[in-house]
Amino acid sequence: MKKNYCWMIVACCFLIQAATTGIYCNCTGLFTAQIINEFNFTNGAFSWAVTLRTLFSAFSMVLCAKFYNEKSYKKLYCFFGLLSALLWSSQILFTHIWQWYIQNILLGFCLGFIFTIPLNLVLKNWFHTRLGFVLGIAMTASGLSGMLINPISSNLIVNHGWRYGVTMLSCISICIIIPCVLFILKWNPGQMHLKPYQKVDTKQIQLKDVHSNPTIIYCSIIMIICLYCLIQYLNSISVYVSSLGMSVTFAGIATSALMIGNLGGKLLIGVLADIIGTFRTLIFNLISVIISFFIFIFFKEPIFIILACFFYGTSLSLASLAPGLVTQECIEREKNAEILGKMNSIGTFVGAAFYLFISYSYDIFGSFKESFFVSIVISIIAIGFILYLKNAQKQPM
């Protein structure tokens, strides 16, 4: 059992992902639509709450990479996990929009410490090969969580109200996080006198000094920024469905379809990255995202909306896995944590601004078509940078 403990780590990261990103990102859209309708907030005004959360999350992601280590990770994760659950459930008491602004500032700072970066660091310590595969498995949890919990959330909203649903999800989150972190998660195999899974695979570009080739770093960051912009519809899908005159129940089904795409995309990316390479895999998945935007623009029938949500779900997979895979592919191991933190932080920051654009675009034009077209352009730009990185990988250092 001890010899195969690396797979226990994968299972542990899977559960933690389900309880963190799965709940606080992938299951919030239904509640957003209900809050906006109950208090008559505009989509643009309420989008500032999500934007503030994202901005402060971007800030804490940088600190996260600096503060997490073998001695501090359990205390930090449990503390911020518990605080996140309490802060998120506190919104059941709110009546004014400024209360959501303050809450999301604090919540965003806490979430930055429990989202994907700590688990990326842990898995990189345990797996020096097959990283794409294990990241894919661990990160599928957020999609699976969203797929299973969104229909439950819609049912809770219909039968008991959104406040009851928020409270239940907060309890589920903390009941998973605390036991997993305290009793299963280990920072590195050395804590159990084990070695990482296999030896380091040196296929990645080995830079003599990260700063000696800044072009690769900058291009990687810009590409990740594009991916973070593409995922900003997550909290707007239910608003989009409502704008078409469809029910809360259908919004739950559509969101679940999105999560199925998220789940399947992570598995596919993880497997394909190890088989055909990171860059070809990212291009393949970006094409499916572009297809989703075209369906959203030109089709309004329920079956096409569900299909579009499924394809769009793969964008969440890209944003979850691409930073870890790209840093593994392009950056020397000693700089992975530093660059990964900056990459996620900058991408999250710019993505927050794009979320505002989406929300206000809807308020101004009364539809999401305009922002969908912009997103197609962003997807094409991302493919361009991926092709550059792919070609740069072949160049001798």
Foldseek 3Di string as FASTA:
>chain_A
DLQPLLVVQLVLLQLLLLLALLPPPLQCLLVVVVLCVVQVPALLLLLLLVLLLLQLLLVLLLVLLVPDDQVCLLVLQLVLLLVLLVLQLVCLPDRDSVSSNVSSNVNSNSSSNRHQLQSLQQNVQQALPLSLQSLLSSNLSSLVSSLPCLLVQLVCCVPPNNSVSSNVSSVSSSVSRNCSSPPRHGSHSVVVPHHHDDDHDPLADEDPDCVVCCVLLVLLLLLLLLLLQLPLCSSVQLVQLVLLVDDSNLSSLLSSLLSLLLSVLSNQQSVVCNPVNNLVSLLVLLVLLLVLLVLSQPDDDSVSSSSSSSSSSSSNSCSSRVLSRSCSRYPDPVCSSNSSSNSNSVSSNSSSVSSSVQSVVCVVVVHNNVVSVVSSVSSVVSNVSSVVSVVVSPDDD
